[in-house]
């Protein structure tokens, strides 16, 4: 038998976001890789451990906790920085799979949200295989994303009739700020890019720490709640040391 790696989507923060398929995957895993990002108050790390304790029957599994390489800004380009970070992670993953997983064992990464949406684990596993290191098969278990959780908590549909929905990042939104915004979900925005659009007729549906006890929700006309969101975001980041937020910008229909 060959080694098997599972990428299990664990949802946006609520332990009950776990699907039945994910619970079954948890219970056929012997090794869980836990990446420690070095936060003093790492709720994401704690949630991964809580999910194992809640849903795995028995205790015949082990956790392998390692320090996640820190992503550094690259002097040349953003893509070069991502490339360097992914290579560091590939080296780490290769070592973990080679040393910590037996020949007939199954290991898993518990991926925040869904492995297919703005997460690098899939790409890095492909890179590990390309490096010619330990051989393994892998399987993806989908999960609930922060995009779905945001829409559910604000009780809105992501799309309007006859309109597309764009999912992008804060960086991409900033680079295309002259483009028309009709219905845009923004993830990974570290700089409150929505402030650049307060003069447009837009509504915003914002959420942070979705699905967790610290969940924050604000919605309204962008021009009226922009400062409120910025202040709430800054305060929460200062208190917890990190923030994970998502928002929808939507143009008002005539």
Protein backbone atom coordinates (compact mmCIF):
# COMPACT_ATOMS: atom_id res chain seq x y z
CA UNK A 1 0.00 0.00 0.00
CA UNK A 2 1.12 3.57 -0.62
CA UNK A 3 0.92 6.58 1.62
CA UNK A 4 -2.25 8.63 1.32
CA UNK A 5 -2.72 12.31 2.10
CA UNK A 6 -6.14 13.86 2.72
CA UNK A 7 -6.88 17.56 2.39
CA UNK A 8 -9.91 18.02 4.60
CA UNK A 9 -11.89 21.25 4.41
CA UNK A 10 -12.93 22.12 7.96
CA UNK A 11 -15.14 25.14 7.32
CA UNK A 12 -14.92 28.80 8.22
CA UNK A 13 -14.71 28.53 11.99
CA UNK A 14 -17.76 26.75 13.37
CA UNK A 15 -16.92 23.12 14.29
CA UNK A 16 -20.40 22.20 13.02
CA UNK A 17 -19.37 23.25 9.50
CA UNK A 18 -17.72 19.83 9.24
CA UNK A 19 -19.45 17.61 6.67
CA UNK A 20 -20.28 13.93 7.11
CA UNK A 21 -17.67 13.17 4.44
CA UNK A 22 -15.07 15.11 6.45
CA UNK A 23 -15.94 13.23 9.67
CA UNK A 24 -15.47 9.92 7.86
CA UNK A 25 -12.13 11.17 6.50
CA UNK A 26 -11.00 12.20 9.99
CA UNK A 27 -11.73 8.69 11.24
CA UNK A 28 -9.59 6.98 8.62
CA UNK A 29 -6.56 9.17 9.31
CA UNK A 30 -3.65 8.16 11.53
CA UNK A 31 -1.50 11.31 11.28
CA UNK A 32 -2.64 14.95 11.35
CA UNK A 33 -0.24 17.68 10.28
CA UNK A 34 -0.78 20.86 12.30
CA UNK A 35 0.97 24.02 11.05
CA UNK A 36 1.74 26.50 13.82
CA UNK A 37 1.82 30.08 12.53
CA UNK A 38 3.34 31.38 15.76
CA UNK A 39 0.45 33.50 17.06
CA UNK A 40 0.31 33.87 20.84
CA UNK A 41 -3.45 33.28 20.71
CA UNK A 42 -3.87 30.89 17.80
CA UNK A 43 -7.57 30.08 17.70
CA UNK A 44 -7.13 28.40 14.31
CA UNK A 45 -4.63 25.96 15.78
CA UNK A 46 -6.87 25.27 18.76
CA UNK A 47 -9.91 24.67 16.54
CA UNK A 48 -8.08 22.03 14.51
CA UNK A 49 -7.24 20.13 17.70
CA UNK A 50 -10.80 20.54 19.01
CA UNK A 51 -12.22 19.12 15.77
CA UNK A 52 -10.07 16.00 16.15
CA UNK A 53 -11.20 15.51 19.75
CA UNK A 54 -14.86 16.10 18.88
CA UNK A 55 -15.26 13.89 15.82
CA UNK A 56 -12.63 11.14 15.93
CA UNK A 57 -13.74 7.94 17.64
CA UNK A 58 -10.96 6.62 19.84
CA UNK A 59 -7.49 8.07 20.21
CA UNK A 60 -5.41 5.98 17.83
CA UNK A 61 -4.12 8.99 15.92
CA UNK A 62 -1.24 11.37 16.40
CA UNK A 63 -0.66 15.08 15.79
CA UNK A 64 2.51 16.32 14.14
CA UNK A 65 2.81 20.03 14.93
CA UNK A 66 5.47 22.06 13.10
CA UNK A 67 6.30 25.72 12.67
CA UNK A 68 4.86 27.06 9.43
CA UNK A 69 7.43 28.99 7.35
CA UNK A 70 6.76 32.71 7.54
CA UNK A 71 5.95 34.40 4.27
CA UNK A 72 8.27 37.34 3.67
CA UNK A 73 7.86 40.19 1.20
CA UNK A 74 10.14 39.74 -1.80
CA UNK A 75 12.15 42.75 -3.05
CA UNK A 76 11.23 41.98 -6.67
CA UNK A 77 7.57 40.98 -6.97
CA UNK A 78 4.64 39.63 -5.00
CA UNK A 79 4.73 36.42 -7.07
CA UNK A 80 8.41 35.91 -6.27
CA UNK A 81 7.61 36.13 -2.57
CA UNK A 82 4.84 33.55 -2.92
CA UNK A 83 7.14 31.29 -4.94
CA UNK A 84 9.83 31.40 -2.24
CA UNK A 85 7.27 30.69 0.50
CA UNK A 86 5.77 27.77 -1.41
CA UNK A 87 9.21 26.26 -1.91
CA UNK A 88 9.89 26.47 1.83
CA UNK A 89 6.59 24.77 2.52
CA UNK A 90 7.29 22.07 -0.08
CA UNK A 91 10.56 21.21 1.63
CA UNK A 92 8.75 21.03 4.98
CA UNK A 93 5.88 18.91 3.62
CA UNK A 94 8.31 16.56 1.91
CA UNK A 95 10.13 15.96 5.19
CA UNK A 96 6.91 15.44 7.17
CA UNK A 97 5.44 12.99 4.65
CA UNK A 98 8.71 11.14 4.38
CA UNK A 99 9.48 10.89 8.10
CA UNK A 100 6.14 10.96 9.92
CA UNK A 101 3.86 8.83 7.73
CA UNK A 102 4.22 5.07 7.55
CA UNK A 103 4.15 3.18 4.26
CA UNK A 104 0.51 2.14 4.67
CA UNK A 105 -0.74 5.12 6.70
CA UNK A 106 -3.08 7.99 5.90
CA UNK A 107 -2.19 11.55 6.92
CA UNK A 108 -4.26 14.72 6.67
CA UNK A 109 -4.00 18.48 6.50
CA UNK A 110 -6.99 20.23 8.07
CA UNK A 111 -7.57 23.11 5.67
CA UNK A 112 -9.41 26.24 6.74
CA UNK A 113 -12.49 26.71 4.56
CA UNK A 114 -12.10 24.66 1.38
CA UNK A 115 -8.82 23.36 -0.14
CA UNK A 116 -9.84 24.65 -3.59
CA UNK A 117 -10.42 28.32 -2.72
CA UNK A 118 -7.45 30.58 -1.94
CA UNK A 119 -5.41 27.88 -0.24
CA UNK A 120 -1.97 26.72 -1.32
CA UNK A 121 -1.88 23.16 0.06
CA UNK A 122 -2.93 21.51 -3.21
CA UNK A 123 -0.24 23.31 -5.20
CA UNK A 124 2.41 22.47 -2.63
CA UNK A 125 1.57 18.76 -2.61
CA UNK A 126 1.91 18.75 -6.40
CA UNK A 127 5.27 20.44 -5.98
CA UNK A 128 6.37 17.79 -3.50
CA UNK A 129 5.52 15.07 -6.02
CA UNK A 130 7.39 16.94 -8.75
CA UNK A 131 10.48 17.05 -6.53
CA UNK A 132 10.64 13.26 -6.67
CA UNK A 133 10.50 12.75 -2.92
CA UNK A 134 8.18 10.36 -1.07
CA UNK A 135 5.42 8.96 -3.25
CA UNK A 136 1.82 9.30 -2.15
CA UNK A 137 -1.75 9.65 -3.36
CA UNK A 138 -3.96 12.49 -2.21
CA UNK A 139 -7.66 13.19 -1.96
CA UNK A 140 -9.60 16.43 -1.44
CA UNK A 141 -12.56 16.66 0.95
CA UNK A 142 -14.48 19.92 0.28
CA UNK A 143 -15.49 22.28 3.06
CA UNK A 144 -17.68 25.31 3.74
CA UNK A 145 -15.87 28.52 2.83
CA UNK A 146 -15.95 31.93 4.46
CA UNK A 147 -17.77 33.12 1.33
CA UNK A 148 -20.67 30.74 2.01
CA UNK A 149 -20.61 31.53 5.72
CA UNK A 150 -20.68 35.28 5.01
CA UNK A 151 -23.76 34.98 2.80
CA UNK A 152 -25.53 32.73 5.30
CA UNK A 153 -24.87 34.99 8.30
CA UNK A 154 -26.07 38.10 6.42
CA UNK A 155 -29.01 36.14 4.98
CA UNK A 156 -28.29 37.13 1.39
CA UNK A 157 -27.84 35.31 -1.90
CA UNK A 158 -24.38 35.76 -3.37
CA UNK A 159 -25.69 36.28 -6.88
CA UNK A 160 -28.53 38.44 -8.12
CA UNK A 161 -30.77 37.39 -10.99
CA UNK A 162 -28.90 37.46 -14.28
CA UNK A 163 -25.67 38.77 -12.71
CA UNK A 164 -22.28 37.09 -12.26
CA UNK A 165 -20.39 37.04 -8.97
CA UNK A 166 -16.65 37.76 -8.82
CA UNK A 167 -14.46 36.38 -6.02
CA UNK A 168 -11.14 38.17 -5.73
CA UNK A 169 -8.51 39.42 -3.29
CA UNK A 170 -7.86 42.82 -1.78
CA UNK A 171 -4.67 43.09 -3.82
CA UNK A 172 -6.47 42.43 -7.10
CA UNK A 173 -9.30 44.78 -6.17
CA UNK A 174 -6.79 47.57 -5.54
CA UNK A 175 -5.04 46.98 -8.86
CA UNK A 176 -8.31 47.13 -10.79
CA UNK A 177 -9.89 49.92 -8.80
CA UNK A 178 -11.08 51.76 -11.90
CA UNK A 179 -13.14 48.77 -13.03
CA UNK A 180 -16.87 48.73 -12.38
CA UNK A 181 -17.94 46.89 -9.24
CA UNK A 182 -21.32 45.24 -9.39
CA UNK A 183 -21.14 42.14 -7.20
CA UNK A 184 -17.71 41.31 -5.76
CA UNK A 185 -16.62 39.10 -2.86
CA UNK A 186 -13.25 40.15 -1.47
CA UNK A 187 -10.94 37.88 0.53
CA UNK A 188 -7.44 38.36 1.94
CA UNK A 189 -7.69 42.15 2.17
CA UNK A 190 -5.13 43.39 4.66
CA UNK A 191 -5.52 47.08 3.81
CA UNK A 192 -9.26 47.92 3.87
CA UNK A 193 -9.33 48.39 0.11
CA UNK A 194 -13.07 49.05 0.26
CA UNK A 195 -12.22 52.59 1.47
CA UNK A 196 -11.25 53.49 -2.08
CA UNK A 197 -14.85 53.07 -3.22
CA UNK A 198 -16.79 55.06 -0.64
CA UNK A 199 -17.80 57.60 -3.28
CA UNK A 200 -19.65 54.91 -5.25
CA UNK A 201 -23.22 53.75 -4.68
CA UNK A 202 -22.28 50.46 -3.03
CA UNK A 203 -23.42 48.36 -0.11
CA UNK A 204 -21.05 46.20 1.90
CA UNK A 205 -21.64 42.97 3.81
CA UNK A 206 -18.60 42.39 6.03
CA UNK A 207 -17.72 39.58 8.41
CA UNK A 208 -14.72 38.58 10.49
CA UNK A 209 -13.95 35.38 12.44
CA UNK A 210 -17.01 33.90 10.77
CA UNK A 211 -18.48 30.94 12.62
CA UNK A 212 -16.43 31.50 15.77
CA UNK A 213 -17.47 32.93 19.16
CA UNK A 214 -15.69 36.17 18.14
CA UNK A 215 -17.69 36.59 14.94
CA UNK A 216 -18.28 40.20 13.82
CA UNK A 217 -20.86 41.29 11.24
CA UNK A 218 -21.48 44.76 9.77
CA UNK A 219 -23.53 45.72 6.73
CA UNK A 220 -24.94 48.85 5.15
CA UNK A 221 -24.15 51.60 2.69
CA UNK A 222 -20.40 51.60 2.20
CA UNK A 223 -20.16 55.36 2.64
CA UNK A 224 -21.91 55.09 6.02
CA UNK A 225 -20.20 52.03 7.59
CA UNK A 226 -16.70 52.14 6.10
CA UNK A 227 -15.16 53.84 9.14
CA UNK A 228 -17.04 51.55 11.52
CA UNK A 229 -15.63 48.47 9.78
CA UNK A 230 -12.12 49.90 9.72
CA UNK A 231 -12.23 50.69 13.44
CA UNK A 232 -13.70 47.27 14.36
CA UNK A 233 -11.07 45.55 12.26
CA UNK A 234 -8.15 47.46 13.77
CA UNK A 235 -9.37 46.87 17.32
CA UNK A 236 -9.93 43.14 16.78
CA UNK A 237 -6.53 42.69 15.16
CA UNK A 238 -4.84 44.48 18.04
CA UNK A 239 -6.59 42.29 20.60
CA UNK A 240 -6.11 38.91 18.90
CA UNK A 241 -2.94 39.46 16.89
CA UNK A 242 -4.59 38.35 13.64
CA UNK A 243 -7.79 38.82 11.70
CA UNK A 244 -9.56 36.85 8.99
CA UNK A 245 -12.35 38.74 7.26
CA UNK A 246 -14.36 38.61 4.05
CA UNK A 247 -16.81 41.03 2.49
CA UNK A 248 -19.21 41.50 -0.40
CA UNK A 249 -19.43 44.79 -2.29
CA UNK A 250 -22.67 45.21 -4.20
CA UNK A 251 -23.81 48.08 -6.41
CA UNK A 252 -27.27 49.47 -5.70
CA UNK A 253 -29.72 48.70 -8.47
CA UNK A 254 -31.46 51.65 -10.09
